[in-house]
């Protein structure tokens, strides 16, 4: 009798350890979550995915709870394993389990990125259109239409505006109307690749975000300097003459006999202006910097950089 009871107990324990997800019930749902998250934190991503899936398989979770776990699994596949196919499957599951949840927008973005990375730009574009605001009014193009990208029209006026942003030498290259179709193709190619980059969610790429911030900071500082210098830069005729007299050697040129010839003030007036203006700009910059350092009570510890003897 004792032997039969022992045998039944062994069989019961075996079923508990192997049966569909009942192992989760044995250690508890919260402990299972803690274990799965710990695996993820330690970089054991395939193992973490397996443990998160056990949570879903054991049952008893609401649709939203299961959707949240699928979202976590999808992010692991996408960000840590670069497995966009399985990531996409998990994100689709999220939308099925919890349609209209707070995760919807984020899941839509990641779904589009997965499709793009799987080499399915057409499906990615369709998904983007599906995820966009319903009943969005399509603005009618104003001007002469020269190309279309799906429902978006590109007008000649838009193209000319883009041309005007190019450096002068580049504008000259496309000045003739016969050359404008070439620029139009380049412009369309850039727009298509930009759309593709957006579908891959590059807008939130850490490297791009950092470089964008650095570029923005640089442009803002440049704009500030331009306004400060423009408001304070004044170069009079007497300033130019004084600069010329103080720097006469800088305005000497070699003659035909290879002897240095002093150029008159009138001959080099433009060069004198450029050099004098540059000097004044540097002075304005120096004064502005000193004022800022003083106002913000900046302390620089230069001794830190001196090599100990």
C-alpha atoms as a PDB file:
ATOM      1  CA  UNK A   1       0.000   0.000   0.000  1.00  0.00           C
ATOM      2  CA  UNK A   2       2.817   2.374   0.923  1.00  0.00           C
ATOM      3  CA  UNK A   3       4.568   1.518  -2.359  1.00  0.00           C
ATOM      4  CA  UNK A   4       1.482   2.421  -4.405  1.00  0.00           C
ATOM      5  CA  UNK A   5       1.106   5.760  -2.629  1.00  0.00           C
ATOM      6  CA  UNK A   6       4.766   6.565  -3.258  1.00  0.00           C
ATOM      7  CA  UNK A   7       4.422   5.685  -6.926  1.00  0.00           C
ATOM      8  CA  UNK A   8       1.351   7.912  -7.305  1.00  0.00           C
ATOM      9  CA  UNK A   9       3.196  10.751  -5.575  1.00  0.00           C
ATOM     10  CA  UNK A  10       6.149  10.424  -7.972  1.00  0.00           C
ATOM     11  CA  UNK A  11       3.821  10.435 -10.976  1.00  0.00           C
ATOM     12  CA  UNK A  12       1.990  13.507  -9.623  1.00  0.00           C
ATOM     13  CA  UNK A  13       5.248  15.380  -9.104  1.00  0.00           C
ATOM     14  CA  UNK A  14       6.391  14.453 -12.615  1.00  0.00           C
ATOM     15  CA  UNK A  15       3.162  15.808 -14.110  1.00  0.00           C
ATOM     16  CA  UNK A  16       3.502  19.031 -12.099  1.00  0.00           C
ATOM     17  CA  UNK A  17       7.058  19.564 -13.325  1.00  0.00           C
ATOM     18  CA  UNK A  18       6.314  18.775 -16.989  1.00  0.00           C
ATOM     19  CA  UNK A  19       2.686  19.718 -17.485  1.00  0.00           C
ATOM     20  CA  UNK A  20       1.759  22.814 -19.598  1.00  0.00           C
ATOM     21  CA  UNK A  21       3.125  25.707 -17.614  1.00  0.00           C
ATOM     22  CA  UNK A  22       2.287  24.295 -14.213  1.00  0.00           C
ATOM     23  CA  UNK A  23       5.911  24.950 -13.234  1.00  0.00           C
ATOM     24  CA  UNK A  24       4.911  28.609 -13.059  1.00  0.00           C
ATOM     25  CA  UNK A  25       2.194  27.718 -10.615  1.00  0.00           C
ATOM     26  CA  UNK A  26       4.782  25.909  -8.524  1.00  0.00           C
ATOM     27  CA  UNK A  27       7.093  28.938  -8.029  1.00  0.00           C
ATOM     28  CA  UNK A  28       4.356  31.555  -8.332  1.00  0.00           C
ATOM     29  CA  UNK A  29       3.568  34.105 -11.022  1.00  0.00           C
ATOM     30  CA  UNK A  30       5.418  36.999  -9.360  1.00  0.00           C
ATOM     31  CA  UNK A  31       8.539  34.914  -8.822  1.00  0.00           C
ATOM     32  CA  UNK A  32       8.367  33.784 -12.446  1.00  0.00           C
ATOM     33  CA  UNK A  33       8.212  37.432 -13.577  1.00  0.00           C
ATOM     34  CA  UNK A  34      11.120  38.288 -11.307  1.00  0.00           C
ATOM     35  CA  UNK A  35      13.141  35.381 -12.691  1.00  0.00           C
ATOM     36  CA  UNK A  36      12.390  36.302 -16.329  1.00  0.00           C
ATOM     37  CA  UNK A  37      13.283  39.953 -15.750  1.00  0.00           C
ATOM     38  CA  UNK A  38      16.523  38.962 -14.016  1.00  0.00           C
ATOM     39  CA  UNK A  39      17.486  36.820 -17.022  1.00  0.00           C
ATOM     40  CA  UNK A  40      16.795  39.789 -19.279  1.00  0.00           C
ATOM     41  CA  UNK A  41      18.894  42.139 -17.144  1.00  0.00           C
ATOM     42  CA  UNK A  42      21.789  39.671 -17.243  1.00  0.00           C
ATOM     43  CA  UNK A  43      21.659  39.533 -21.053  1.00  0.00           C
ATOM     44  CA  UNK A  44      20.288  35.972 -21.211  1.00  0.00           C
ATOM     45  CA  UNK A  45      17.720  36.971 -23.810  1.00  0.00           C
ATOM     46  CA  UNK A  46      16.634  33.578 -25.278  1.00  0.00           C
ATOM     47  CA  UNK A  47      16.189  32.218 -21.749  1.00  0.00           C
ATOM     48  CA  UNK A  48      14.253  35.322 -20.712  1.00  0.00           C
ATOM     49  CA  UNK A  49      11.924  34.919 -23.702  1.00  0.00           C
ATOM     50  CA  UNK A  50      11.304  31.282 -22.769  1.00  0.00           C
ATOM     51  CA  UNK A  51      10.421  32.201 -19.182  1.00  0.00           C
ATOM     52  CA  UNK A  52       8.155  35.077 -20.213  1.00  0.00           C
ATOM     53  CA  UNK A  53       6.325  32.702 -22.565  1.00  0.00           C
ATOM     54  CA  UNK A  54       5.789  30.276 -19.686  1.00  0.00           C
ATOM     55  CA  UNK A  55       3.866  33.033 -17.939  1.00  0.00           C
ATOM     56  CA  UNK A  56       1.466  33.211 -20.875  1.00  0.00           C
ATOM     57  CA  UNK A  57       1.190  29.457 -21.268  1.00  0.00           C
ATOM     58  CA  UNK A  58       0.230  28.800 -17.648  1.00  0.00           C
ATOM     59  CA  UNK A  59      -3.047  30.680 -18.132  1.00  0.00           C
ATOM     60  CA  UNK A  60      -4.979  32.853 -15.756  1.00  0.00           C
ATOM     61  CA  UNK A  61      -3.715  36.146 -17.231  1.00  0.00           C
ATOM     62  CA  UNK A  62      -6.041  38.820 -18.583  1.00  0.00           C
ATOM     63  CA  UNK A  63      -5.795  39.939 -22.201  1.00  0.00           C
ATOM     64  CA  UNK A  64      -3.965  43.111 -21.195  1.00  0.00           C
ATOM     65  CA  UNK A  65      -1.516  41.239 -18.968  1.00  0.00           C
ATOM     66  CA  UNK A  66      -0.703  38.764 -21.718  1.00  0.00           C
ATOM     67  CA  UNK A  67      -0.383  41.633 -24.212  1.00  0.00           C
ATOM     68  CA  UNK A  68       2.107  43.392 -21.925  1.00  0.00           C
ATOM     69  CA  UNK A  69       4.226  40.248 -21.780  1.00  0.00           C
ATOM     70  CA  UNK A  70       4.100  39.882 -25.575  1.00  0.00           C
ATOM     71  CA  UNK A  71       5.253  43.495 -25.849  1.00  0.00           C
ATOM     72  CA  UNK A  72       8.234  42.762 -23.589  1.00  0.00           C
ATOM     73  CA  UNK A  73       9.069  39.634 -25.598  1.00  0.00           C
ATOM     74  CA  UNK A  74       8.742  41.591 -28.851  1.00  0.00           C
ATOM     75  CA  UNK A  75      11.155  44.256 -27.600  1.00  0.00           C
ATOM     76  CA  UNK A  76      13.704  41.589 -26.627  1.00  0.00           C
ATOM     77  CA  UNK A  77      13.481  39.994 -30.066  1.00  0.00           C
ATOM     78  CA  UNK A  78      13.779  43.373 -31.752  1.00  0.00           C
ATOM     79  CA  UNK A  79      16.324  45.284 -29.665  1.00  0.00           C
ATOM     80  CA  UNK A  80      18.488  42.529 -28.228  1.00  0.00           C
ATOM     81  CA  UNK A  81      18.258  39.596 -30.648  1.00  0.00           C
ATOM     82  CA  UNK A  82      17.669  41.469 -33.926  1.00  0.00           C
ATOM     83  CA  UNK A  83      15.021  38.864 -34.708  1.00  0.00           C
ATOM     84  CA  UNK A  84      12.497  41.066 -36.491  1.00  0.00           C
ATOM     85  CA  UNK A  85      10.309  38.185 -37.672  1.00  0.00           C
ATOM     86  CA  UNK A  86       9.549  36.915 -34.173  1.00  0.00           C
ATOM     87  CA  UNK A  87       9.339  40.488 -32.891  1.00  0.00           C
ATOM     88  CA  UNK A  88       6.702  41.261 -35.507  1.00  0.00           C
ATOM     89  CA  UNK A  89       4.708  38.171 -34.490  1.00  0.00           C
ATOM     90  CA  UNK A  90       4.692  39.325 -30.861  1.00  0.00           C
ATOM     91  CA  UNK A  91       3.620  42.874 -31.738  1.00  0.00           C
ATOM     92  CA  UNK A  92       0.759  41.508 -33.839  1.00  0.00           C
ATOM     93  CA  UNK A  93      -0.261  39.400 -30.841  1.00  0.00           C
ATOM     94  CA  UNK A  94      -0.335  42.540 -28.682  1.00  0.00           C
ATOM     95  CA  UNK A  95      -2.791  44.207 -31.077  1.00  0.00           C
ATOM     96  CA  UNK A  96      -4.981  41.085 -31.123  1.00  0.00           C
ATOM     97  CA  UNK A  97      -4.974  40.588 -27.343  1.00  0.00           C
ATOM     98  CA  UNK A  98      -5.477  44.244 -26.400  1.00  0.00           C
ATOM     99  CA  UNK A  99      -6.809  46.337 -29.294  1.00  0.00           C
ATOM    100  CA  UNK A 100      -6.904  50.034 -28.510  1.00  0.00           C
ATOM    101  CA  UNK A 101      -4.647  49.724 -25.445  1.00  0.00           C
ATOM    102  CA  UNK A 102      -2.096  52.326 -24.354  1.00  0.00           C
ATOM    103  CA  UNK A 103       0.535  50.253 -26.166  1.00  0.00           C
ATOM    104  CA  UNK A 104      -1.140  50.621 -29.573  1.00  0.00           C
ATOM    105  CA  UNK A 105       0.821  53.624 -30.838  1.00  0.00           C
ATOM    106  CA  UNK A 106       4.181  52.231 -29.739  1.00  0.00           C
ATOM    107  CA  UNK A 107       3.341  48.790 -31.153  1.00  0.00           C
ATOM    108  CA  UNK A 108       2.302  50.332 -34.484  1.00  0.00           C
ATOM    109  CA  UNK A 109       5.644  52.136 -34.703  1.00  0.00           C
ATOM    110  CA  UNK A 110       7.575  48.969 -33.936  1.00  0.00           C
ATOM    111  CA  UNK A 111       5.468  46.901 -36.347  1.00  0.00           C
ATOM    112  CA  UNK A 112       6.294  49.323 -39.157  1.00  0.00           C
ATOM    113  CA  UNK A 113       9.994  49.232 -38.268  1.00  0.00           C
ATOM    114  CA  UNK A 114      10.021  45.415 -38.247  1.00  0.00           C
ATOM    115  CA  UNK A 115       8.404  45.273 -41.683  1.00  0.00           C
ATOM    116  CA  UNK A 116      10.937  47.778 -43.020  1.00  0.00           C
ATOM    117  CA  UNK A 117      13.876  45.826 -41.593  1.00  0.00           C
ATOM    118  CA  UNK A 118      12.470  42.588 -43.022  1.00  0.00           C
ATOM    119  CA  UNK A 119      12.682  44.148 -46.494  1.00  0.00           C
ATOM    120  CA  UNK A 120       8.958  44.777 -46.833  1.00  0.00           C
ATOM    121  CA  UNK A 121       8.733  48.543 -47.488  1.00  0.00           C
ATOM    122  CA  UNK A 122       5.370  48.245 -49.253  1.00  0.00           C
ATOM    123  CA  UNK A 123       3.779  46.485 -46.264  1.00  0.00           C
ATOM    124  CA  UNK A 124       5.468  48.987 -43.951  1.00  0.00           C
ATOM    125  CA  UNK A 125       3.985  51.880 -45.925  1.00  0.00           C
ATOM    126  CA  UNK A 126       0.524  50.302 -45.833  1.00  0.00           C
ATOM    127  CA  UNK A 127       0.809  49.744 -42.099  1.00  0.00           C
ATOM    128  CA  UNK A 128       1.865  53.364 -41.644  1.00  0.00           C
ATOM    129  CA  UNK A 129      -1.144  54.545 -43.622  1.00  0.00           C
ATOM    130  CA  UNK A 130      -3.419  52.238 -41.633  1.00  0.00           C
ATOM    131  CA  UNK A 131      -2.031  53.560 -38.363  1.00  0.00           C
ATOM    132  CA  UNK A 132      -2.358  57.203 -39.370  1.00  0.00           C
ATOM    133  CA  UNK A 133      -5.264  59.329 -38.198  1.00  0.00           C
ATOM    134  CA  UNK A 134      -8.556  58.238 -39.737  1.00  0.00           C
ATOM    135  CA  UNK A 135     -10.456  60.640 -41.952  1.00  0.00           C
ATOM    136  CA  UNK A 136      -7.382  62.815 -42.272  1.00  0.00           C
ATOM    137  CA  UNK A 137      -8.037  65.536 -44.818  1.00  0.00           C
ATOM    138  CA  UNK A 138      -5.761  65.394 -47.849  1.00  0.00           C
ATOM    139  CA  UNK A 139      -4.512  68.847 -48.685  1.00  0.00           C
ATOM    140  CA  UNK A 140      -4.815  69.773 -52.329  1.00  0.00           C
ATOM    141  CA  UNK A 141      -1.526  70.714 -53.942  1.00  0.00           C
ATOM    142  CA  UNK A 142      -1.252  74.354 -54.914  1.00  0.00           C
ATOM    143  CA  UNK A 143       0.741  74.845 -58.084  1.00  0.00           C
ATOM    144  CA  UNK A 144       1.941  72.852 -61.068  1.00  0.00           C
ATOM    145  CA  UNK A 145       2.300  69.168 -60.154  1.00  0.00           C
ATOM    146  CA  UNK A 146       5.576  67.682 -61.419  1.00  0.00           C
ATOM    147  CA  UNK A 147       5.475  64.302 -59.604  1.00  0.00           C
ATOM    148  CA  UNK A 148       3.441  62.163 -57.226  1.00  0.00           C
ATOM    149  CA  UNK A 149       4.442  59.860 -54.386  1.00  0.00           C
ATOM    150  CA  UNK A 150       1.269  57.890 -53.730  1.00  0.00           C
ATOM    151  CA  UNK A 151      -1.292  60.534 -52.693  1.00  0.00           C
ATOM    152  CA  UNK A 152       1.315  63.234 -52.140  1.00  0.00           C
ATOM    153  CA  UNK A 153       1.883  65.722 -54.937  1.00  0.00           C
ATOM    154  CA  UNK A 154       5.168  67.512 -55.560  1.00  0.00           C
ATOM    155  CA  UNK A 155       4.745  70.872 -57.252  1.00  0.00           C
ATOM    156  CA  UNK A 156       7.160  72.894 -59.322  1.00  0.00           C
ATOM    157  CA  UNK A 157       6.947  75.607 -56.682  1.00  0.00           C
ATOM    158  CA  UNK A 158       8.022  73.119 -53.995  1.00  0.00           C
ATOM    159  CA  UNK A 159      10.893  71.968 -56.190  1.00  0.00           C
ATOM    160  CA  UNK A 160      12.057  75.549 -56.827  1.00  0.00           C
ATOM    161  CA  UNK A 161      11.942  76.204 -53.081  1.00  0.00           C
ATOM    162  CA  UNK A 162      14.186  73.190 -52.450  1.00  0.00           C
ATOM    163  CA  UNK A 163      16.546  74.378 -55.195  1.00  0.00           C
ATOM    164  CA  UNK A 164      16.825  77.777 -53.525  1.00  0.00           C
ATOM    165  CA  UNK A 165      18.197  76.082 -50.396  1.00  0.00           C
ATOM    166  CA  UNK A 166      21.208  74.741 -52.283  1.00  0.00           C
ATOM    167  CA  UNK A 167      24.580  76.533 -52.331  1.00  0.00           C
ATOM    168  CA  UNK A 168      24.950  79.003 -55.235  1.00  0.00           C
ATOM    169  CA  UNK A 169      27.233  76.706 -57.267  1.00  0.00           C
ATOM    170  CA  UNK A 170      24.693  73.850 -56.994  1.00  0.00           C
ATOM    171  CA  UNK A 171      21.815  76.153 -57.966  1.00  0.00           C
ATOM    172  CA  UNK A 172      23.769  77.071 -61.076  1.00  0.00           C
ATOM    173  CA  UNK A 173      24.010  73.369 -62.031  1.00  0.00           C
ATOM    174  CA  UNK A 174      20.202  73.059 -62.157  1.00  0.00           C
ATOM    175  CA  UNK A 175      19.424  76.547 -63.435  1.00  0.00           C
ATOM    176  CA  UNK A 176      18.434  75.257 -66.862  1.00  0.00           C
ATOM    177  CA  UNK A 177      14.923  73.671 -66.990  1.00  0.00           C
ATOM    178  CA  UNK A 178      16.352  70.677 -68.849  1.00  0.00           C
ATOM    179  CA  UNK A 179      18.392  69.820 -65.725  1.00  0.00           C
ATOM    180  CA  UNK A 180      15.516  70.105 -63.264  1.00  0.00           C
ATOM    181  CA  UNK A 181      14.132  66.568 -63.850  1.00  0.00           C
ATOM    182  CA  UNK A 182      17.499  65.271 -62.630  1.00  0.00           C
ATOM    183  CA  UNK A 183      17.185  67.301 -59.418  1.00  0.00           C
ATOM    184  CA  UNK A 184      13.562  66.154 -59.101  1.00  0.00           C
ATOM    185  CA  UNK A 185      14.674  62.496 -59.175  1.00  0.00           C
ATOM    186  CA  UNK A 186      17.311  63.213 -56.539  1.00  0.00           C
ATOM    187  CA  UNK A 187      14.727  65.014 -54.405  1.00  0.00           C
ATOM    188  CA  UNK A 188      12.232  62.128 -54.716  1.00  0.00           C
ATOM    189  CA  UNK A 189      14.973  59.594 -53.870  1.00  0.00           C
ATOM    190  CA  UNK A 190      15.799  61.565 -50.713  1.00  0.00           C
ATOM    191  CA  UNK A 191      12.118  61.746 -49.728  1.00  0.00           C
ATOM    192  CA  UNK A 192      11.621  58.004 -50.256  1.00  0.00           C
ATOM    193  CA  UNK A 193      14.710  57.122 -48.214  1.00  0.00           C
ATOM    194  CA  UNK A 194      13.652  59.585 -45.524  1.00  0.00           C
ATOM    195  CA  UNK A 195      10.245  57.862 -45.359  1.00  0.00           C
ATOM    196  CA  UNK A 196      12.008  54.511 -45.113  1.00  0.00           C
ATOM    197  CA  UNK A 197      14.233  55.818 -42.296  1.00  0.00           C
ATOM    198  CA  UNK A 198      11.143  57.059 -40.417  1.00  0.00           C
ATOM    199  CA  UNK A 199       9.517  53.651 -40.755  1.00  0.00           C
ATOM    200  CA  UNK A 200      12.617  52.170 -39.169  1.00  0.00           C
ATOM    201  CA  UNK A 201      12.089  54.578 -36.272  1.00  0.00           C
ATOM    202  CA  UNK A 202      15.455  56.270 -36.819  1.00  0.00           C
ATOM    203  CA  UNK A 203      13.903  59.416 -35.363  1.00  0.00           C
ATOM    204  CA  UNK A 204      14.355  57.789 -31.949  1.00  0.00           C
ATOM    205  CA  UNK A 205      17.787  56.311 -32.682  1.00  0.00           C
ATOM    206  CA  UNK A 206      20.082  57.354 -29.809  1.00  0.00           C
ATOM    207  CA  UNK A 207      22.974  58.293 -32.107  1.00  0.00           C
ATOM    208  CA  UNK A 208      20.758  60.418 -34.368  1.00  0.00           C
ATOM    209  CA  UNK A 209      19.027  62.079 -31.409  1.00  0.00           C
ATOM    210  CA  UNK A 210      22.428  62.998 -29.946  1.00  0.00           C
ATOM    211  CA  UNK A 211      23.806  64.311 -33.258  1.00  0.00           C
ATOM    212  CA  UNK A 212      20.595  66.266 -33.863  1.00  0.00           C
ATOM    213  CA  UNK A 213      20.931  67.871 -30.442  1.00  0.00           C
ATOM    214  CA  UNK A 214      24.590  68.736 -31.064  1.00  0.00           C
ATOM    215  CA  UNK A 215      23.767  70.228 -34.475  1.00  0.00           C
ATOM    216  CA  UNK A 216      20.883  72.225 -33.017  1.00  0.00           C
ATOM    217  CA  UNK A 217      23.125  73.516 -30.222  1.00  0.00           C
ATOM    218  CA  UNK A 218      25.770  74.536 -32.756  1.00  0.00           C
ATOM    219  CA  UNK A 219      23.245  76.367 -34.964  1.00  0.00           C
ATOM    220  CA  UNK A 220      21.762  78.179 -31.967  1.00  0.00           C
ATOM    221  CA  UNK A 221      25.184  79.325 -30.761  1.00  0.00           C
ATOM    222  CA  UNK A 222      26.052  80.447 -34.277  1.00  0.00           C
ATOM    223  CA  UNK A 223      22.785  82.389 -34.503  1.00  0.00           C
ATOM    224  CA  UNK A 224      23.482  84.065 -31.154  1.00  0.00           C
ATOM    225  CA  UNK A 225      26.976  85.091 -32.252  1.00  0.00           C
ATOM    226  CA  UNK A 226      25.687  86.430 -35.558  1.00  0.00           C
ATOM    227  CA  UNK A 227      23.134  88.625 -33.796  1.00  0.00           C
ATOM    228  CA  UNK A 228      25.619  89.837 -31.191  1.00  0.00           C
ATOM    229  CA  UNK A 229      28.276  90.648 -33.786  1.00  0.00           C
ATOM    230  CA  UNK A 230      25.788  92.240 -36.198  1.00  0.00           C
ATOM    231  CA  UNK A 231      24.576  94.567 -33.468  1.00  0.00           C
ATOM    232  CA  UNK A 232      28.022  95.602 -32.297  1.00  0.00           C
ATOM    233  CA  UNK A 233      30.248  95.403 -35.372  1.00  0.00           C
ATOM    234  CA  UNK A 234      31.027  98.889 -36.629  1.00  0.00           C
ATOM    235  CA  UNK A 235      34.016  99.535 -38.883  1.00  0.00           C
ATOM    236  CA  UNK A 236      34.722 103.165 -39.718  1.00  0.00           C
ATOM    237  CA  UNK A 237      37.026 104.593 -42.370  1.00  0.00           C
ATOM    238  CA  UNK A 238      39.476 105.662 -39.675  1.00  0.00           C
ATOM    239  CA  UNK A 239      39.461 102.096 -38.272  1.00  0.00           C
ATOM    240  CA  UNK A 240      40.462 100.791 -41.685  1.00  0.00           C
ATOM    241  CA  UNK A 241      43.257 103.316 -42.109  1.00  0.00           C
ATOM    242  CA  UNK A 242      44.582 102.636 -38.609  1.00  0.00           C
ATOM    243  CA  UNK A 243      44.549  98.887 -39.258  1.00  0.00           C
ATOM    244  CA  UNK A 244      46.329  99.393 -42.572  1.00  0.00           C
ATOM    245  CA  UNK A 245      49.056 101.514 -41.007  1.00  0.00           C
ATOM    246  CA  UNK A 246      49.550  99.026 -38.162  1.00  0.00           C
ATOM    247  CA  UNK A 247      49.765  96.073 -40.539  1.00  0.00           C
ATOM    248  CA  UNK A 248      51.400  97.519 -43.660  1.00  0.00           C
ATOM    249  CA  UNK A 249      53.652  94.488 -44.130  1.00  0.00           C
ATOM    250  CA  UNK A 250      50.593  92.272 -44.483  1.00  0.00           C
ATOM    251  CA  UNK A 251      49.637  94.220 -47.608  1.00  0.00           C
ATOM    252  CA  UNK A 252      52.838  93.877 -49.578  1.00  0.00           C
ATOM    253  CA  UNK A 253      52.997  91.865 -52.788  1.00  0.00           C
ATOM    254  CA  UNK A 254      55.802  90.682 -55.044  1.00  0.00           C
ATOM    255  CA  UNK A 255      56.321  92.723 -58.188  1.00  0.00           C
ATOM    256  CA  UNK A 256      57.505  91.481 -61.575  1.00  0.00           C
ATOM    257  CA  UNK A 257      61.119  91.729 -60.427  1.00  0.00           C
ATOM    258  CA  UNK A 258      60.175  89.608 -57.375  1.00  0.00           C
ATOM    259  CA  UNK A 259      60.754  92.532 -55.093  1.00  0.00           C
ATOM    260  CA  UNK A 260      58.083  93.257 -52.509  1.00  0.00           C
ATOM    261  CA  UNK A 261      55.933  96.268 -53.333  1.00  0.00           C
ATOM    262  CA  UNK A 262      53.813  98.092 -50.790  1.00  0.00           C
ATOM    263  CA  UNK A 263      50.182  98.285 -51.930  1.00  0.00           C
ATOM    264  CA  UNK A 264      48.374 101.525 -51.280  1.00  0.00           C
ATOM    265  CA  UNK A 265      45.412 101.712 -48.909  1.00  0.00           C
ATOM    266  CA  UNK A 266      42.962 102.175 -51.796  1.00  0.00           C
ATOM    267  CA  UNK A 267      44.361  99.163 -53.661  1.00  0.00           C
ATOM    268  CA  UNK A 268      43.810  96.797 -50.760  1.00  0.00           C
ATOM    269  CA  UNK A 269      40.870  98.471 -49.028  1.00  0.00           C
ATOM    270  CA  UNK A 270      38.612  95.409 -49.395  1.00  0.00           C
ATOM    271  CA  UNK A 271      41.243  93.120 -47.886  1.00  0.00           C
ATOM    272  CA  UNK A 272      41.823  95.625 -45.107  1.00  0.00           C
ATOM    273  CA  UNK A 273      38.090  95.664 -44.338  1.00  0.00           C
ATOM    274  CA  UNK A 274      37.897  91.856 -44.169  1.00  0.00           C
ATOM    275  CA  UNK A 275      40.929  91.613 -41.852  1.00  0.00           C
ATOM    276  CA  UNK A 276      39.788  94.516 -39.648  1.00  0.00           C
ATOM    277  CA  UNK A 277      36.242  93.154 -39.397  1.00  0.00           C
ATOM    278  CA  UNK A 278      37.573  89.712 -38.438  1.00  0.00           C
ATOM    279  CA  UNK A 279      39.684  91.251 -35.691  1.00  0.00           C
ATOM    280  CA  UNK A 280      36.704  93.192 -34.325  1.00  0.00           C
ATOM    281  CA  UNK A 281      34.526  90.045 -34.435  1.00  0.00           C
ATOM    282  CA  UNK A 282      37.101  88.211 -32.340  1.00  0.00           C
ATOM    283  CA  UNK A 283      37.181  91.116 -29.880  1.00  0.00           C
ATOM    284  CA  UNK A 284      33.360  91.101 -29.603  1.00  0.00           C
ATOM    285  CA  UNK A 285      33.411  87.329 -29.068  1.00  0.00           C
ATOM    286  CA  UNK A 286      36.087  87.668 -26.375  1.00  0.00           C
ATOM    287  CA  UNK A 287      34.145  90.386 -24.543  1.00  0.00           C
ATOM    288  CA  UNK A 288      30.929  88.390 -24.739  1.00  0.00           C
ATOM    289  CA  UNK A 289      32.643  85.268 -23.400  1.00  0.00           C
ATOM    290  CA  UNK A 290      34.216  87.165 -20.498  1.00  0.00           C
ATOM    291  CA  UNK A 291      30.833  88.642 -19.554  1.00  0.00           C
ATOM    292  CA  UNK A 292      29.196  85.207 -19.598  1.00  0.00           C
ATOM    293  CA  UNK A 293      31.972  83.617 -17.540  1.00  0.00           C
ATOM    294  CA  UNK A 294      31.702  86.386 -14.953  1.00  0.00           C
ATOM    295  CA  UNK A 295      27.894  86.388 -14.869  1.00  0.00           C
ATOM    296  CA  UNK A 296      27.693  82.616 -14.440  1.00  0.00           C
ATOM    297  CA  UNK A 297      30.559  82.577 -11.885  1.00  0.00           C
ATOM    298  CA  UNK A 298      32.560  80.035 -13.864  1.00  0.00           C
ATOM    299  CA  UNK A 299      35.701  78.573 -12.301  1.00  0.00           C
ATOM    300  CA  UNK A 300      38.227  76.759 -14.492  1.00  0.00           C
ATOM    301  CA  UNK A 301      40.771  74.541 -12.739  1.00  0.00           C
ATOM    302  CA  UNK A 302      43.679  74.740 -15.174  1.00  0.00           C
ATOM    303  CA  UNK A 303      46.059  73.065 -12.702  1.00  0.00           C
ATOM    304  CA  UNK A 304      44.299  69.772 -13.353  1.00  0.00           C
ATOM    305  CA  UNK A 305      45.817  69.724 -16.837  1.00  0.00           C
ATOM    306  CA  UNK A 306      49.384  70.517 -15.758  1.00  0.00           C
ATOM    307  CA  UNK A 307      51.704  67.525 -15.755  1.00  0.00           C
ATOM    308  CA  UNK A 308      53.262  66.904 -12.375  1.00  0.00           C
ATOM    309  CA  UNK A 309      57.061  67.125 -12.444  1.00  0.00           C
END
